[in-house]
Every structure is written in C-alpha cells, then in structure tokens.
Amino acid sequence: MTLPPWDYLFQSFNSHNFPDLFHPTWIASVVLLAILIVLYNIRTRALHKHAPYVDLWEWMWWTGLITFSLLIIEALFVFDFILVLLTQIVGLGALVWIRFFRFPPILRAHEQRLARERYFSKQKFADPEATIRRRGGRRQQRRRR
C-alpha cells in the first residue's frame, strides 16, 4: 500500500491495482450467480404450493441476479473501486435483509395458518361417522314423490 486507504476508492478496479481482490471478486460473482440459478429453480419447483416461500425465492433471485451481474460488469468494464464496494455492500445487505428480516414474520404466519388448517381438518374427520355418507336425505324424498 503506497496510497492512503481513501485514495484506493477512486482507483480503477482491475488486476493491476487490486491484484488480491480482482479475480476472487468476479469469480465469486459467477459462482454465486450459478448457485443462485440452481437453487432458485429447485426451490420454486419444490415449494410451488406455498406462495410465501416462492415470493422469498423471487426476491432472492432478483436481488442476487442484479448484484452479481453488476459485479461481473464492473469487473469487466473496469469501474472505480468505490462502485464495486458499494454494489457489494448494498447487494449483500439487501440479501441479508430479505432472508433474515423481511420474510421470517411472513413465513411464521404462513406456517401458523397451515398448522391451524391441519388441526381443523383433523377435528373434522376425527369422528368416523364424518367420512360416511348417509343414505337418504333429500334425494330419497324427491324419488318418493
């Protein structure tokens, strides 16, 4: 380091100015983007009946796609390091916020609703007579006339 730390913010982000950060940054972006594509496809197919989980993965997908694509573009077209750093902070911060702050209350409410539905359906069919159709009723009365 020959410059003060704040001067590095306005250096171009390339392998010459940042030899220890440049390649790991764009390689990690490509790998994480590929992992996100696979996880998004697998999880949305598995959870297609549970809308809050699909919404969570939609939010994660678009945030990750934007963040990791921007990092690849910024490395490819040699942007200033401050833009790369801001993209990383904002993008990863948004992913953390989505996963750990925005969706947990929504997912808890969905799980409670599912538990309530299971409880009521158990009670409804707890009596063996509830599943047996009774003969008679209105249909027989109509036939007699």
Protein backbone atom coordinates (compact mmCIF):
# COMPACT_ATOMS: atom_id res chain seq x y z
CA MET A 1 0.00 0.00 0.00
CA THR A 2 1.61 3.20 -1.13
CA LEU A 3 -1.50 5.42 -1.00
CA PRO A 4 -3.78 6.34 1.87
CA PRO A 5 -6.81 3.96 2.07
CA TRP A 6 -9.34 6.56 0.84
CA ASP A 7 -7.35 7.11 -2.36
CA TYR A 8 -7.85 3.47 -3.35
CA LEU A 9 -11.60 4.07 -3.57
CA PHE A 10 -11.14 6.06 -6.78
CA GLN A 11 -8.67 3.70 -8.44
CA SER A 12 -9.95 1.56 -11.30
CA PHE A 13 -10.87 -1.93 -10.23
CA ASN A 14 -8.56 -4.17 -12.25
CA SER A 15 -5.96 -6.86 -11.67
CA HIS A 16 -3.10 -4.35 -11.68
CA ASN A 17 -4.47 -2.01 -8.96
CA PHE A 18 -6.17 -4.73 -6.86
CA PRO A 19 -4.29 -7.98 -7.52
CA ASP A 20 -5.64 -9.73 -4.42
CA LEU A 21 -9.31 -8.71 -4.86
CA PHE A 22 -9.99 -8.57 -8.58
CA HIS A 23 -10.05 -12.24 -9.57
CA PRO A 24 -11.73 -13.54 -6.39
CA THR A 25 -14.47 -10.93 -6.78
CA TRP A 26 -15.54 -11.72 -10.32
CA ILE A 27 -15.03 -15.49 -9.91
CA ALA A 28 -17.13 -15.49 -6.72
CA SER A 29 -19.82 -13.48 -8.54
CA VAL A 30 -20.00 -16.01 -11.37
CA VAL A 31 -20.08 -18.97 -8.95
CA LEU A 32 -22.69 -17.40 -6.67
CA LEU A 33 -24.85 -16.48 -9.65
CA ALA A 34 -24.72 -20.07 -10.90
CA ILE A 35 -25.58 -21.41 -7.43
CA LEU A 36 -28.45 -18.94 -7.19
CA ILE A 37 -29.85 -20.07 -10.55
CA VAL A 38 -29.79 -23.71 -9.47
CA LEU A 39 -31.27 -23.04 -6.02
CA TYR A 40 -34.00 -20.81 -7.41
CA ASN A 41 -35.11 -23.45 -9.92
CA ILE A 42 -35.03 -26.29 -7.40
CA ARG A 43 -36.74 -24.47 -4.53
CA THR A 44 -39.50 -22.81 -6.56
CA ARG A 45 -40.44 -26.14 -8.13
CA ALA A 46 -40.45 -27.86 -4.75
CA LEU A 47 -42.43 -25.12 -2.99
CA HIS A 48 -44.83 -24.09 -5.76
CA LYS A 49 -47.86 -24.64 -3.48
CA HIS A 50 -46.52 -22.32 -0.78
CA ALA A 51 -46.72 -18.77 -2.08
CA PRO A 52 -44.67 -17.05 0.69
CA TYR A 53 -41.70 -19.34 0.05
CA VAL A 54 -41.91 -18.75 -3.69
CA ASP A 55 -42.03 -14.99 -3.01
CA LEU A 56 -38.93 -15.29 -0.83
CA TRP A 57 -37.05 -17.03 -3.61
CA GLU A 58 -38.28 -14.48 -6.17
CA TRP A 59 -36.88 -11.65 -4.05
CA MET A 60 -33.61 -13.53 -3.50
CA TRP A 61 -33.37 -14.32 -7.24
CA TRP A 62 -33.80 -10.76 -8.50
CA THR A 63 -31.56 -9.23 -5.82
CA GLY A 64 -28.83 -11.79 -6.43
CA LEU A 65 -29.12 -11.52 -10.21
CA ILE A 66 -28.75 -7.74 -10.08
CA THR A 67 -25.93 -7.75 -7.53
CA PHE A 68 -23.78 -10.48 -9.06
CA SER A 69 -24.36 -9.30 -12.63
CA LEU A 70 -23.36 -5.77 -11.69
CA LEU A 71 -20.19 -7.06 -10.05
CA ILE A 72 -19.28 -9.00 -13.19
CA ILE A 73 -19.98 -5.96 -15.38
CA GLU A 74 -17.99 -3.67 -13.09
CA ALA A 75 -15.01 -6.02 -13.18
CA LEU A 76 -15.26 -6.46 -16.95
CA PHE A 77 -15.51 -2.75 -17.77
CA VAL A 78 -13.06 -1.57 -15.07
CA PHE A 79 -15.23 0.67 -12.89
CA ASP A 80 -13.83 2.57 -9.89
CA PHE A 81 -13.41 0.53 -6.75
CA ILE A 82 -15.92 2.65 -4.83
CA LEU A 83 -18.72 1.49 -7.15
CA VAL A 84 -17.69 -2.15 -6.75
CA LEU A 85 -17.57 -1.76 -2.97
CA LEU A 86 -20.97 -0.03 -2.85
CA THR A 87 -22.51 -2.74 -5.05
CA GLN A 88 -21.20 -5.43 -2.74
CA ILE A 89 -22.38 -3.71 0.42
CA VAL A 90 -25.84 -2.80 -0.86
CA GLY A 91 -26.45 -6.09 -2.69
CA LEU A 92 -25.32 -8.40 0.08
CA GLY A 93 -27.05 -6.21 2.67
CA ALA A 94 -30.29 -6.50 0.69
CA LEU A 95 -29.93 -10.30 0.51
CA VAL A 96 -29.41 -10.48 4.28
CA TRP A 97 -32.37 -8.14 4.91
CA ILE A 98 -34.67 -10.18 2.65
CA ARG A 99 -33.72 -13.53 4.17
CA PHE A 100 -33.48 -12.62 7.86
CA PHE A 101 -35.71 -9.57 8.40
CA ARG A 102 -38.40 -9.20 5.74
CA PHE A 103 -39.64 -12.76 5.24
CA PRO A 104 -39.38 -14.57 8.62
CA PRO A 105 -42.60 -12.96 10.00
CA ILE A 106 -44.42 -13.78 6.75
CA LEU A 107 -43.17 -17.39 6.82
CA ARG A 108 -44.14 -17.80 10.51
CA ALA A 109 -47.67 -16.55 9.78
CA HIS A 110 -47.93 -18.97 6.83
CA GLU A 111 -46.78 -21.90 8.99
CA GLN A 112 -49.29 -20.98 11.72
CA ARG A 113 -52.07 -20.85 9.15
CA LEU A 114 -51.08 -24.28 7.82
CA ALA A 115 -50.98 -25.68 11.36
CA ARG A 116 -54.46 -24.25 12.03
CA GLU A 117 -55.79 -25.80 8.83
CA ARG A 118 -54.29 -29.19 9.73
CA TYR A 119 -55.81 -29.01 13.21
CA PHE A 120 -59.28 -28.19 11.93
CA SER A 121 -59.15 -30.88 9.26
CA LYS A 122 -58.08 -33.41 11.92
CA GLN A 123 -61.01 -32.40 14.09
CA LYS A 124 -63.42 -32.52 11.20
CA PHE A 125 -62.51 -36.09 10.33
CA ALA A 126 -61.79 -37.33 13.87
CA ASP A 127 -65.28 -38.84 14.13
CA PRO A 128 -65.52 -41.93 11.91
CA GLU A 129 -69.11 -41.07 11.08
CA ALA A 130 -67.98 -37.82 9.44
CA THR A 131 -66.49 -39.69 6.50
CA ILE A 132 -69.51 -41.89 5.84
CA ARG A 133 -72.23 -40.62 3.57
CA ARG A 134 -75.67 -41.13 4.91
CA ARG A 135 -78.30 -42.69 2.81
CA GLY A 136 -81.47 -40.90 2.48
CA GLY A 137 -81.89 -37.25 2.97
CA ARG A 138 -83.28 -35.04 0.22
CA ARG A 139 -82.58 -37.36 -2.66
CA GLN A 140 -84.79 -40.11 -1.33
CA GLN A 141 -87.57 -37.68 -0.58
CA ARG A 142 -87.55 -36.49 -4.19
CA ARG A 143 -87.76 -40.03 -5.52
CA ARG A 144 -90.82 -40.86 -3.47
CA ARG A 145 -92.87 -38.08 -5.00
